[in-house]
Protein backbone atom coordinates (compact mmCIF):
# COMPACT_ATOMS: atom_id res chain seq x y z
CA MET A 1 0.00 0.00 0.00
CA ILE A 2 1.10 3.53 -0.66
CA ARG A 3 1.49 5.54 2.51
CA THR A 4 -1.08 8.27 3.04
CA ARG A 5 1.45 11.07 2.92
CA GLY A 6 2.97 9.58 -0.23
CA ALA A 7 -0.43 9.36 -1.89
CA ALA A 8 -1.02 13.04 -1.25
CA LEU A 9 2.26 13.86 -2.98
CA VAL A 10 1.27 12.26 -6.30
CA VAL A 11 -0.15 15.53 -7.61
CA ALA A 12 2.77 17.61 -6.34
CA MET A 13 5.27 15.35 -8.07
CA LEU A 14 3.28 15.35 -11.30
CA LEU A 15 3.21 19.12 -11.38
CA ALA A 16 6.90 19.41 -10.47
CA ALA A 17 8.07 17.03 -13.19
CA CYS A 18 8.14 19.35 -16.19
CA GLY A 19 9.08 17.68 -19.44
CA GLY A 20 9.08 18.85 -23.03
CA ALA A 21 5.67 18.14 -24.48
CA SER A 22 5.57 16.86 -28.01
CA GLY A 23 2.69 17.32 -30.40
CA ASP A 24 0.19 20.12 -30.17
CA GLU A 25 1.52 22.45 -27.45
CA ALA A 26 -1.78 24.31 -27.11
CA ALA A 27 -3.76 21.11 -26.53
CA ASP A 28 -1.24 19.93 -23.93
CA ALA A 29 -1.03 23.22 -22.00
CA GLY A 30 -1.12 22.47 -18.26
CA LYS A 31 -0.81 18.75 -18.85
CA GLU A 32 2.13 16.48 -18.06
CA ARG A 33 3.08 13.64 -20.41
CA ILE A 34 3.20 10.17 -18.86
CA GLU A 35 3.95 6.67 -20.11
CA CYS A 36 1.00 4.45 -20.88
CA ALA A 37 0.24 1.12 -22.54
CA LEU A 38 -3.29 1.23 -23.93
CA GLU A 39 -5.65 -1.54 -24.97
CA GLY A 40 -3.37 -4.35 -23.81
CA ALA A 41 -0.17 -3.09 -25.48
CA ASP A 42 3.05 -4.65 -24.14
CA ALA A 43 5.25 -1.56 -24.59
CA PHE A 44 4.84 1.74 -22.78
CA ALA A 45 5.05 5.04 -24.67
CA ARG A 46 4.86 8.64 -23.45
CA ASP A 47 1.56 9.08 -25.30
CA CYS A 48 -0.80 10.02 -22.47
CA THR A 49 -1.29 13.26 -20.57
CA VAL A 50 -2.29 13.95 -16.99
CA GLU A 51 -3.58 17.06 -15.27
CA GLU A 52 -4.98 17.78 -11.83
CA MET A 53 -8.48 19.06 -11.25
CA SER A 54 -10.42 19.76 -8.08
CA GLY A 55 -13.42 17.56 -7.58
CA ALA A 56 -16.19 17.36 -4.99
CA ASP A 57 -14.24 14.67 -3.13
CA GLY A 58 -10.78 16.25 -3.51
CA ALA A 59 -8.07 16.13 -6.15
CA VAL A 60 -8.75 14.21 -9.36
CA LEU A 61 -6.22 13.31 -12.04
CA VAL A 62 -7.54 13.40 -15.59
CA VAL A 63 -5.47 11.01 -17.69
CA GLY A 64 -5.79 11.72 -21.43
CA ARG A 65 -5.61 8.69 -23.70
CA GLY A 66 -4.56 10.44 -26.90
CA ASP A 67 -7.50 10.60 -29.26
CA VAL A 68 -9.44 7.82 -27.53
CA GLY A 69 -10.81 9.63 -24.46
CA TYR A 70 -9.69 9.97 -20.88
CA ARG A 71 -9.88 8.39 -17.42
CA ARG A 72 -10.40 10.12 -14.10
CA LEU A 73 -8.46 8.97 -11.03
CA GLN A 74 -9.41 10.14 -7.53
CA ILE A 75 -6.38 10.70 -5.29
CA THR A 76 -7.04 8.97 -1.97
CA THR A 77 -5.79 9.80 1.50
CA ASP A 78 -6.18 6.28 2.91
CA GLY A 79 -2.99 4.77 1.50
CA ARG A 80 -4.38 3.29 -1.73
CA GLY A 81 -2.91 6.03 -3.93
CA VAL A 82 -5.63 6.45 -6.54
CA VAL A 83 -8.97 4.86 -7.35
CA SER A 84 -11.06 5.02 -10.48
CA ALA A 85 -13.31 8.08 -10.26
CA ASP A 86 -15.38 6.86 -13.20
CA GLY A 87 -16.51 3.83 -11.23
CA ALA A 88 -17.10 1.29 -13.99
CA GLU A 89 -13.74 -0.47 -13.76
CA PRO A 90 -11.58 -0.57 -10.61
CA ALA A 91 -8.02 0.78 -10.63
CA LYS A 92 -5.28 -1.63 -9.57
CA VAL A 93 -2.22 0.20 -8.21
CA THR A 94 1.22 -1.43 -8.21
CA ILE A 95 4.28 0.21 -6.68
CA ILE A 96 7.31 0.27 -9.00
CA GLY A 97 10.30 1.49 -7.00
CA ASP A 98 10.36 4.57 -4.76
CA LYS A 99 9.06 7.12 -7.24
CA LEU A 100 6.61 5.38 -9.56
CA ILE A 101 3.26 3.61 -9.49
CA GLU A 102 1.55 1.70 -12.26
CA VAL A 103 -2.23 2.03 -12.46
CA ALA A 104 -4.12 -0.61 -14.42
CA ILE A 105 -7.74 -0.07 -15.42
CA GLY A 106 -9.16 -2.69 -17.72
CA SER A 107 -6.60 -3.32 -20.46
CA ASP A 108 -4.94 0.12 -20.02
CA ARG A 109 -1.87 0.81 -17.85
CA TYR A 110 -0.47 4.17 -16.77
CA ARG A 111 2.80 5.02 -15.01
CA LEU A 112 2.53 7.93 -12.59
CA PRO A 113 5.24 9.59 -10.50
CA ALA A 114 4.54 9.11 -6.78
CA ASN A 115 6.29 9.19 -3.45
CA THR A 116 5.63 5.63 -2.32
CA GLY A 117 7.36 6.11 1.01
CA GLY A 118 10.23 3.80 0.14
CA GLY A 119 12.77 6.45 1.10
CA GLU A 120 11.25 7.10 4.52
């Protein structure tokens, strides 16, 4: 499980990690590029975007899936990291090292920067 304090830092780390966005700069304004493997793909590519939004229940990450839609992930404070805010399919979170989580929803996988508490 991701520690509560680490889960709260997911958004801060996403916003702090500024990388050069490729593609349409205007469409990606305010969004961070992340690695994803969509529709069961084996290989990850930096093809998805993520941005933070405020929701009724707290911070929500909106993960853009290129031209095929988006997913919303609710940031939790109970140690789970994120859960699916869309509700239809559950999010499975796997810790990958001290600074990365992998979120699987259906046949899609996303890699998000996170403080998993491994350095504490």
